[in-house]
Amino acid sequence: MSLLPVMVIFGLSFPPVFFELIVSLALFFVLRRLLQPTGIYDFVWHPALFNTALYCCLFYLISCLFV
């Protein structure tokens, strides 16, 4: 279980995992923006799979921090 409570905004109920997804998405965009000029995508076989794996890893790390 998450330590974050269920948030109700304008009558809509958002589970705690929603905010973890939003935080990890923001970190993903920042990290991807930082990695592109370094040329790491030249060594990656499939950039879309790399981005998906990077997002999954970030989401896992964020969800572990909130638990």
PDB file of N, CA and C in Angstrom:
ATOM      1  N   MET A   1       0.835  -1.194   0.000  1.00  0.00           N
ATOM      2  CA  MET A   1       0.000   0.000   0.000  1.00  0.00           C
ATOM      3  C   MET A   1       0.871   1.246   0.000  1.00  0.00           C
ATOM      4  N   SER A   2       0.349   2.253  -0.617  1.00  0.00           N
ATOM      5  CA  SER A   2       1.063   3.505  -0.703  1.00  0.00           C
ATOM      6  C   SER A   2       0.739   4.375   0.505  1.00  0.00           C
ATOM      7  N   LEU A   3       1.681   5.218   0.860  1.00  0.00           N
ATOM      8  CA  LEU A   3       1.462   6.138   1.971  1.00  0.00           C
ATOM      9  C   LEU A   3       0.627   7.341   1.559  1.00  0.00           C
ATOM     10  N   LEU A   4       0.524   7.560   0.258  1.00  0.00           N
ATOM     11  CA  LEU A   4      -0.263   8.686  -0.223  1.00  0.00           C
ATOM     12  C   LEU A   4      -1.757   8.360  -0.172  1.00  0.00           C
ATOM     13  N   PRO A   5      -2.583   9.316   0.252  1.00  0.00           N
ATOM     14  CA  PRO A   5      -4.028   9.054   0.277  1.00  0.00           C
ATOM     15  C   PRO A   5      -4.644   9.220  -1.108  1.00  0.00           C
ATOM     16  N   VAL A   6      -5.865   8.757  -1.228  1.00  0.00           N
ATOM     17  CA  VAL A   6      -6.618   8.969  -2.466  1.00  0.00           C
ATOM     18  C   VAL A   6      -6.983  10.448  -2.525  1.00  0.00           C
ATOM     19  N   MET A   7      -6.675  11.075  -3.657  1.00  0.00           N
ATOM     20  CA  MET A   7      -6.944  12.508  -3.807  1.00  0.00           C
ATOM     21  C   MET A   7      -8.241  12.699  -4.591  1.00  0.00           C
ATOM     22  N   VAL A   8      -9.049  13.628  -4.125  1.00  0.00           N
ATOM     23  CA  VAL A   8     -10.284  13.972  -4.822  1.00  0.00           C
ATOM     24  C   VAL A   8     -10.143  15.415  -5.312  1.00  0.00           C
ATOM     25  N   ILE A   9     -10.139  15.574  -6.642  1.00  0.00           N
ATOM     26  CA  ILE A   9      -9.986  16.889  -7.248  1.00  0.00           C
ATOM     27  C   ILE A   9     -11.189  17.127  -8.159  1.00  0.00           C
ATOM     28  N   PHE A  10     -11.962  18.160  -7.855  1.00  0.00           N
ATOM     29  CA  PHE A  10     -13.178  18.504  -8.610  1.00  0.00           C
ATOM     30  C   PHE A  10     -14.128  17.306  -8.728  1.00  0.00           C
ATOM     31  N   GLY A  11     -14.212  16.523  -7.686  1.00  0.00           N
ATOM     32  CA  GLY A  11     -15.117  15.390  -7.674  1.00  0.00           C
ATOM     33  C   GLY A  11     -14.571  14.133  -8.316  1.00  0.00           C
ATOM     34  N   LEU A  12     -13.357  14.195  -8.855  1.00  0.00           N
ATOM     35  CA  LEU A  12     -12.731  13.009  -9.449  1.00  0.00           C
ATOM     36  C   LEU A  12     -11.756  12.403  -8.457  1.00  0.00           C
ATOM     37  N   SER A  13     -11.836  11.099  -8.317  1.00  0.00           N
ATOM     38  CA  SER A  13     -10.984  10.387  -7.375  1.00  0.00           C
ATOM     39  C   SER A  13      -9.757   9.843  -8.097  1.00  0.00           C
ATOM     40  N   PHE A  14      -8.571  10.203  -7.607  1.00  0.00           N
ATOM     41  CA  PHE A  14      -7.321   9.753  -8.206  1.00  0.00           C
ATOM     42  C   PHE A  14      -6.579   8.860  -7.226  1.00  0.00           C
ATOM     43  N   PRO A  15      -6.225   7.654  -7.648  1.00  0.00           N
ATOM     44  CA  PRO A  15      -5.454   6.774  -6.765  1.00  0.00           C
ATOM     45  C   PRO A  15      -4.017   7.265  -6.644  1.00  0.00           C
ATOM     46  N   PRO A  16      -3.299   6.825  -5.630  1.00  0.00           N
ATOM     47  CA  PRO A  16      -1.912   7.278  -5.440  1.00  0.00           C
ATOM     48  C   PRO A  16      -0.989   6.918  -6.607  1.00  0.00           C
ATOM     49  N   VAL A  17      -1.255   5.827  -7.291  1.00  0.00           N
ATOM     50  CA  VAL A  17      -0.392   5.422  -8.397  1.00  0.00           C
ATOM     51  C   VAL A  17      -0.461   6.431  -9.541  1.00  0.00           C
ATOM     52  N   PHE A  18      -1.543   7.166  -9.661  1.00  0.00           N
ATOM     53  CA  PHE A  18      -1.665   8.179 -10.704  1.00  0.00           C
ATOM     54  C   PHE A  18      -0.594   9.258 -10.545  1.00  0.00           C
ATOM     55  N   PHE A  19      -0.376   9.694  -9.328  1.00  0.00           N
ATOM     56  CA  PHE A  19       0.619  10.735  -9.080  1.00  0.00           C
ATOM     57  C   PHE A  19       2.036  10.193  -9.248  1.00  0.00           C
ATOM     58  N   GLU A  20       2.231   8.920  -8.930  1.00  0.00           N
ATOM     59  CA  GLU A  20       3.530   8.300  -9.177  1.00  0.00           C
ATOM     60  C   GLU A  20       3.812   8.227 -10.678  1.00  0.00           C
ATOM     61  N   LEU A  21       2.791   7.930 -11.465  1.00  0.00           N
ATOM     62  CA  LEU A  21       2.946   7.916 -12.922  1.00  0.00           C
ATOM     63  C   LEU A  21       3.279   9.298 -13.470  1.00  0.00           C
ATOM     64  N   ILE A  22       2.638  10.321 -12.936  1.00  0.00           N
ATOM     65  CA  ILE A  22       2.876  11.688 -13.402  1.00  0.00           C
ATOM     66  C   ILE A  22       4.295  12.139 -13.048  1.00  0.00           C
ATOM     67  N   VAL A  23       4.748  11.842 -11.835  1.00  0.00           N
ATOM     68  CA  VAL A  23       6.102  12.219 -11.417  1.00  0.00           C
ATOM     69  C   VAL A  23       7.138  11.482 -12.248  1.00  0.00           C
ATOM     70  N   SER A  24       6.924  10.189 -12.472  1.00  0.00           N
ATOM     71  CA  SER A  24       7.890   9.436 -13.269  1.00  0.00           C
ATOM     72  C   SER A  24       7.877   9.888 -14.732  1.00  0.00           C
ATOM     73  N   LEU A  25       6.735  10.312 -15.250  1.00  0.00           N
ATOM     74  CA  LEU A  25       6.676  10.830 -16.616  1.00  0.00           C
ATOM     75  C   LEU A  25       7.447  12.138 -16.733  1.00  0.00           C
ATOM     76  N   ALA A  26       7.315  13.004 -15.747  1.00  0.00           N
ATOM     77  CA  ALA A  26       8.061  14.265 -15.767  1.00  0.00           C
ATOM     78  C   ALA A  26       9.564  14.002 -15.696  1.00  0.00           C
ATOM     79  N   LEU A  27       9.986  13.097 -14.824  1.00  0.00           N
ATOM     80  CA  LEU A  27      11.407  12.748 -14.733  1.00  0.00           C
ATOM     81  C   LEU A  27      11.907  12.097 -16.017  1.00  0.00           C
ATOM     82  N   PHE A  28      11.053  11.306 -16.648  1.00  0.00           N
ATOM     83  CA  PHE A  28      11.431  10.664 -17.904  1.00  0.00           C
ATOM     84  C   PHE A  28      11.716  11.711 -18.984  1.00  0.00           C
ATOM     85  N   PHE A  29      10.843  12.705 -19.109  1.00  0.00           N
ATOM     86  CA  PHE A  29      11.051  13.734 -20.118  1.00  0.00           C
ATOM     87  C   PHE A  29      12.337  14.524 -19.863  1.00  0.00           C
ATOM     88  N   VAL A  30      12.610  14.815 -18.594  1.00  0.00           N
ATOM     89  CA  VAL A  30      13.836  15.540 -18.254  1.00  0.00           C
ATOM     90  C   VAL A  30      15.057  14.678 -18.557  1.00  0.00           C
ATOM     91  N   LEU A  31      15.025  13.420 -18.164  1.00  0.00           N
ATOM     92  CA  LEU A  31      16.161  12.532 -18.380  1.00  0.00           C
ATOM     93  C   LEU A  31      16.388  12.269 -19.867  1.00  0.00           C
ATOM     94  N   ARG A  32      15.316  12.103 -20.621  1.00  0.00           N
ATOM     95  CA  ARG A  32      15.452  11.892 -22.060  1.00  0.00           C
ATOM     96  C   ARG A  32      16.040  13.125 -22.737  1.00  0.00           C
ATOM     97  N   ARG A  33      15.629  14.292 -22.266  1.00  0.00           N
ATOM     98  CA  ARG A  33      16.154  15.543 -22.806  1.00  0.00           C
ATOM     99  C   ARG A  33      17.654  15.686 -22.507  1.00  0.00           C
ATOM    100  N   LEU A  34      18.084  15.178 -21.350  1.00  0.00           N
ATOM    101  CA  LEU A  34      19.500  15.225 -20.994  1.00  0.00           C
ATOM    102  C   LEU A  34      20.321  14.170 -21.728  1.00  0.00           C
ATOM    103  N   LEU A  35      19.728  13.028 -22.050  1.00  0.00           N
ATOM    104  CA  LEU A  35      20.465  11.939 -22.691  1.00  0.00           C
ATOM    105  C   LEU A  35      20.634  12.137 -24.197  1.00  0.00           C
ATOM    106  N   GLN A  36      19.743  12.836 -24.838  1.00  0.00           N
ATOM    107  CA  GLN A  36      19.821  12.992 -26.295  1.00  0.00           C
ATOM    108  C   GLN A  36      21.105  13.675 -26.768  1.00  0.00           C
ATOM    109  N   PRO A  37      21.571  14.753 -26.158  1.00  0.00           N
ATOM    110  CA  PRO A  37      22.809  15.370 -26.653  1.00  0.00           C
ATOM    111  C   PRO A  37      24.071  14.549 -26.369  1.00  0.00           C
ATOM    112  N   THR A  38      23.998  13.600 -25.436  1.00  0.00           N
ATOM    113  CA  THR A  38      25.188  12.828 -25.101  1.00  0.00           C
ATOM    114  C   THR A  38      25.531  11.799 -26.163  1.00  0.00           C
ATOM    115  N   GLY A  39      24.590  11.459 -27.031  1.00  0.00           N
ATOM    116  CA  GLY A  39      24.843  10.485 -28.085  1.00  0.00           C
ATOM    117  C   GLY A  39      24.634   9.049 -27.657  1.00  0.00           C
ATOM    118  N   ILE A  40      23.971   8.837 -26.527  1.00  0.00           N
ATOM    119  CA  ILE A  40      23.745   7.471 -26.061  1.00  0.00           C
ATOM    120  C   ILE A  40      22.755   6.729 -26.967  1.00  0.00           C
ATOM    121  N   TYR A  41      21.913   7.468 -27.654  1.00  0.00           N
ATOM    122  CA  TYR A  41      20.952   6.824 -28.546  1.00  0.00           C
ATOM    123  C   TYR A  41      21.621   6.237 -29.787  1.00  0.00           C
ATOM    124  N   ASP A  42      22.872   6.609 -30.056  1.00  0.00           N
ATOM    125  CA  ASP A  42      23.622   5.992 -31.154  1.00  0.00           C
ATOM    126  C   ASP A  42      24.001   4.551 -30.837  1.00  0.00           C
ATOM    127  N   PHE A  43      24.100   4.217 -29.562  1.00  0.00           N
ATOM    128  CA  PHE A  43      24.483   2.874 -29.127  1.00  0.00           C
ATOM    129  C   PHE A  43      23.284   1.990 -28.818  1.00  0.00           C
ATOM    130  N   VAL A  44      22.084   2.554 -28.906  1.00  0.00           N
ATOM    131  CA  VAL A  44      20.862   1.826 -28.568  1.00  0.00           C
ATOM    132  C   VAL A  44      20.303   1.184 -29.825  1.00  0.00           C
ATOM    133  N   TRP A  45      19.931  -0.105 -29.695  1.00  0.00           N
ATOM    134  CA  TRP A  45      19.416  -0.838 -30.853  1.00  0.00           C
ATOM    135  C   TRP A  45      18.053  -0.306 -31.281  1.00  0.00           C
ATOM    136  N   HIS A  46      17.159  -0.106 -30.320  1.00  0.00           N
ATOM    137  CA  HIS A  46      15.794   0.322 -30.622  1.00  0.00           C
ATOM    138  C   HIS A  46      15.422   1.435 -29.636  1.00  0.00           C
ATOM    139  N   PRO A  47      15.443   2.686 -30.065  1.00  0.00           N
ATOM    140  CA  PRO A  47      15.205   3.796 -29.132  1.00  0.00           C
ATOM    141  C   PRO A  47      13.844   3.748 -28.429  1.00  0.00           C
ATOM    142  N   ALA A  48      12.817   3.276 -29.112  1.00  0.00           N
ATOM    143  CA  ALA A  48      11.495   3.221 -28.469  1.00  0.00           C
ATOM    144  C   ALA A  48      11.490   2.207 -27.326  1.00  0.00           C
ATOM    145  N   LEU A  49      12.148   1.076 -27.530  1.00  0.00           N
ATOM    146  CA  LEU A  49      12.232   0.090 -26.453  1.00  0.00           C
ATOM    147  C   LEU A  49      13.087   0.612 -25.300  1.00  0.00           C
ATOM    148  N   PHE A  50      14.144   1.327 -25.633  1.00  0.00           N
ATOM    149  CA  PHE A  50      14.983   1.925 -24.602  1.00  0.00           C
ATOM    150  C   PHE A  50      14.196   2.940 -23.788  1.00  0.00           C
ATOM    151  N   ASN A  51      13.405   3.772 -24.465  1.00  0.00           N
ATOM    152  CA  ASN A  51      12.589   4.760 -23.757  1.00  0.00           C
ATOM    153  C   ASN A  51      11.550   4.093 -22.874  1.00  0.00           C
ATOM    154  N   THR A  52      10.945   3.026 -23.361  1.00  0.00           N
ATOM    155  CA  THR A  52       9.957   2.302 -22.561  1.00  0.00           C
ATOM    156  C   THR A  52      10.596   1.689 -21.324  1.00  0.00           C
ATOM    157  N   ALA A  53      11.759   1.082 -21.505  1.00  0.00           N
ATOM    158  CA  ALA A  53      12.463   0.487 -20.367  1.00  0.00           C
ATOM    159  C   ALA A  53      12.911   1.561 -19.382  1.00  0.00           C
ATOM    160  N   LEU A  54      13.345   2.702 -19.888  1.00  0.00           N
ATOM    161  CA  LEU A  54      13.758   3.801 -19.023  1.00  0.00           C
ATOM    162  C   LEU A  54      12.580   4.312 -18.201  1.00  0.00           C
ATOM    163  N   TYR A  55      11.429   4.450 -18.835  1.00  0.00           N
ATOM    164  CA  TYR A  55      10.236   4.897 -18.111  1.00  0.00           C
ATOM    165  C   TYR A  55       9.814   3.872 -17.057  1.00  0.00           C
ATOM    166  N   CYS A  56       9.865   2.596 -17.403  1.00  0.00           N
ATOM    167  CA  CYS A  56       9.496   1.557 -16.441  1.00  0.00           C
ATOM    168  C   CYS A  56      10.436   1.553 -15.246  1.00  0.00           C
ATOM    169  N   CYS A  57      11.710   1.738 -15.497  1.00  0.00           N
ATOM    170  CA  CYS A  57      12.678   1.787 -14.397  1.00  0.00           C
ATOM    171  C   CYS A  57      12.442   3.009 -13.509  1.00  0.00           C
ATOM    172  N   LEU A  58      12.154   4.145 -14.121  1.00  0.00           N
ATOM    173  CA  LEU A  58      11.859   5.341 -13.331  1.00  0.00           C
ATOM    174  C   LEU A  58      10.587   5.174 -12.511  1.00  0.00           C
ATOM    175  N   PHE A  59       9.571   4.575 -13.105  1.00  0.00           N
ATOM    176  CA  PHE A  59       8.329   4.352 -12.366  1.00  0.00           C
ATOM    177  C   PHE A  59       8.554   3.411 -11.197  1.00  0.00           C
ATOM    178  N   TYR A  60       9.370   2.381 -11.398  1.00  0.00           N
ATOM    179  CA  TYR A  60       9.669   1.456 -10.313  1.00  0.00           C
ATOM    180  C   TYR A  60      10.405   2.175  -9.183  1.00  0.00           C
ATOM    181  N   LEU A  61      11.382   3.004  -9.529  1.00  0.00           N
ATOM    182  CA  LEU A  61      12.123   3.725  -8.505  1.00  0.00           C
ATOM    183  C   LEU A  61      11.229   4.704  -7.750  1.00  0.00           C
ATOM    184  N   ILE A  62      10.373   5.403  -8.458  1.00  0.00           N
ATOM    185  CA  ILE A  62       9.462   6.354  -7.805  1.00  0.00           C
ATOM    186  C   ILE A  62       8.469   5.628  -6.913  1.00  0.00           C
ATOM    187  N   SER A  63       7.934   4.511  -7.393  1.00  0.00           N
ATOM    188  CA  SER A  63       6.960   3.785  -6.582  1.00  0.00           C
ATOM    189  C   SER A  63       7.614   3.171  -5.349  1.00  0.00           C
ATOM    190  N   CYS A  64       8.886   2.808  -5.446  1.00  0.00           N
ATOM    191  CA  CYS A  64       9.585   2.298  -4.260  1.00  0.00           C
ATOM    192  C   CYS A  64       9.842   3.408  -3.253  1.00  0.00           C
ATOM    193  N   LEU A  65      10.035   4.618  -3.731  1.00  0.00           N
ATOM    194  CA  LEU A  65      10.262   5.736  -2.809  1.00  0.00           C
ATOM    195  C   LEU A  65       8.995   6.110  -2.036  1.00  0.00           C
ATOM    196  N   PHE A  66       7.831   5.976  -2.665  1.00  0.00           N
ATOM    197  CA  PHE A  66       6.592   6.366  -2.030  1.00  0.00           C
ATOM    198  C   PHE A  66       6.017   5.267  -1.137  1.00  0.00           C
ATOM    199  N   VAL A  67       6.558   4.092  -1.185  1.00  0.00           N
ATOM    200  CA  VAL A  67       6.011   2.999  -0.360  1.00  0.00           C
ATOM    201  C   VAL A  67       6.723   2.943   0.960  1.00  0.00           C
TER     202      VAL A  67
END
